[in-house]
């Protein structure tokens, strides 16, 4: 599957991209993928950025898809995103975990346990 390289990087992705992959592309992604929905001007998203960056340091080979979400943005609606930032962990294209408005690294302990145990 080919993703827009602005939306997806391996390891931490610094910027939100308005050019999101389609849900079908994510469903065909092998292994683990962290999908983050938010907006660069969102205060909650800005608070979460260093937490997500620190979390992703332990998983430099895991894709991080960072989607600029908002009104009329299809992917966020398909995932039922209501609040930002929303972090969704996929395994082989299927959602296995979701975290909303993380503020501390400990908020992602469950995600870490899933990734470290293979899932």
Protein backbone atom coordinates (compact mmCIF):
# COMPACT_ATOMS: atom_id res chain seq x y z
CA UNK A 1 0.00 0.00 0.00
CA UNK A 2 1.25 3.47 -0.82
CA UNK A 3 0.58 6.26 1.67
CA UNK A 4 1.05 9.97 1.30
CA UNK A 5 4.45 10.38 2.89
CA UNK A 6 3.39 13.57 4.69
CA UNK A 7 0.67 11.66 6.54
CA UNK A 8 2.83 8.65 7.45
CA UNK A 9 6.37 8.28 8.68
CA UNK A 10 8.20 5.50 10.44
CA UNK A 11 8.59 6.56 14.04
CA UNK A 12 7.31 9.91 15.30
CA UNK A 13 5.56 12.10 12.74
CA UNK A 14 5.87 15.83 13.59
CA UNK A 15 3.18 17.30 11.38
CA UNK A 16 -0.51 16.79 10.74
CA UNK A 17 -1.30 16.13 7.07
CA UNK A 18 -4.55 17.09 5.36
CA UNK A 19 -3.87 14.43 2.74
CA UNK A 20 -4.93 11.36 4.73
CA UNK A 21 -4.81 7.78 3.46
CA UNK A 22 -8.14 6.06 2.92
CA UNK A 23 -9.44 3.64 5.49
CA UNK A 24 -9.04 0.79 3.00
CA UNK A 25 -5.30 1.51 2.74
CA UNK A 26 -4.97 1.39 6.53
CA UNK A 27 -6.94 -1.88 6.65
CA UNK A 28 -4.31 -3.46 4.38
CA UNK A 29 -1.35 -2.21 6.43
CA UNK A 30 0.58 -5.14 7.92
CA UNK A 31 1.77 -5.05 11.51
CA UNK A 32 1.21 -2.20 13.94
CA UNK A 33 0.30 1.36 12.94
CA UNK A 34 -0.47 4.33 15.19
CA UNK A 35 -3.05 6.67 13.66
CA UNK A 36 -3.39 10.09 15.29
CA UNK A 37 -6.25 12.50 14.59
CA UNK A 38 -6.03 16.16 15.59
CA UNK A 39 -5.23 19.66 14.42
CA UNK A 40 -2.08 21.79 14.78
CA UNK A 41 -3.99 24.65 16.47
CA UNK A 42 -5.68 22.35 19.04
CA UNK A 43 -4.36 22.99 22.57
CA UNK A 44 -5.02 19.36 23.63
CA UNK A 45 -3.07 18.17 20.57
CA UNK A 46 -0.17 20.49 21.41
CA UNK A 47 -0.13 19.11 24.97
CA UNK A 48 -0.05 15.54 23.65
CA UNK A 49 2.75 16.10 21.11
CA UNK A 50 5.73 15.58 23.47
CA UNK A 51 3.98 12.58 25.05
CA UNK A 52 3.42 10.91 21.66
CA UNK A 53 6.96 11.78 20.56
CA UNK A 54 8.43 10.18 23.69
CA UNK A 55 6.19 7.11 23.25
CA UNK A 56 7.18 6.69 19.60
CA UNK A 57 10.92 6.78 20.44
CA UNK A 58 10.56 3.19 21.63
CA UNK A 59 9.02 2.16 18.28
CA UNK A 60 11.09 3.83 15.53
CA UNK A 61 10.02 1.31 12.89
CA UNK A 62 6.28 1.60 13.58
CA UNK A 63 4.30 3.75 11.13
CA UNK A 64 2.74 6.89 12.63
CA UNK A 65 -0.06 8.34 10.52
CA UNK A 66 -0.86 11.87 11.67
CA UNK A 67 -4.12 13.14 10.20
CA UNK A 68 -5.33 16.77 10.24
CA UNK A 69 -8.93 16.13 11.21
CA UNK A 70 -12.00 18.36 11.13
CA UNK A 71 -15.37 19.03 9.59
CA UNK A 72 -15.79 17.20 6.30
CA UNK A 73 -12.72 15.00 6.85
CA UNK A 74 -13.81 11.49 5.94
CA UNK A 75 -11.21 9.31 7.70
CA UNK A 76 -11.92 10.75 11.15
CA UNK A 77 -15.65 10.15 10.69
CA UNK A 78 -15.02 6.57 9.53
CA UNK A 79 -13.11 5.94 12.75
CA UNK A 80 -15.77 7.68 14.85
CA UNK A 81 -13.37 10.33 16.16
CA UNK A 82 -15.13 12.82 18.44
CA UNK A 83 -12.29 14.43 20.44
CA UNK A 84 -8.70 15.39 19.66
CA UNK A 85 -6.19 14.12 19.79
CA UNK A 86 -7.38 10.57 19.27
CA UNK A 87 -4.71 7.89 18.99
CA UNK A 88 -5.79 4.61 17.42
CA UNK A 89 -3.51 1.59 17.43
CA UNK A 90 -4.05 -0.78 14.53
CA UNK A 91 -2.73 -4.31 14.17
CA UNK A 92 -2.91 -5.67 10.64
CA UNK A 93 -5.45 -2.95 9.83
CA UNK A 94 -7.78 -3.63 12.78
CA UNK A 95 -8.25 -1.32 15.74
CA UNK A 96 -6.92 -2.85 18.96
CA UNK A 97 -6.80 0.26 21.14
CA UNK A 98 -7.81 3.91 21.37
CA UNK A 99 -6.60 6.72 23.61
CA UNK A 100 -8.04 10.23 23.71
CA UNK A 101 -6.42 13.42 25.03
CA UNK A 102 -3.32 11.84 26.49
CA UNK A 103 -1.36 14.15 28.78
CA UNK A 104 1.24 11.82 30.33
CA UNK A 105 3.34 8.96 29.03
CA UNK A 106 1.62 6.69 31.56
CA UNK A 107 -1.63 7.24 29.65
CA UNK A 108 -0.13 5.01 26.93
CA UNK A 109 0.94 2.14 29.22
CA UNK A 110 -1.74 -0.12 27.74
CA UNK A 111 -0.50 0.60 24.20
CA UNK A 112 3.08 -0.11 25.31
CA UNK A 113 2.01 -3.42 26.87
CA UNK A 114 0.19 -4.43 23.66
CA UNK A 115 3.17 -3.58 21.47
CA UNK A 116 5.75 -5.18 23.78
CA UNK A 117 3.74 -8.40 24.12
CA UNK A 118 2.98 -8.67 20.41
CA UNK A 119 -0.53 -7.91 21.01
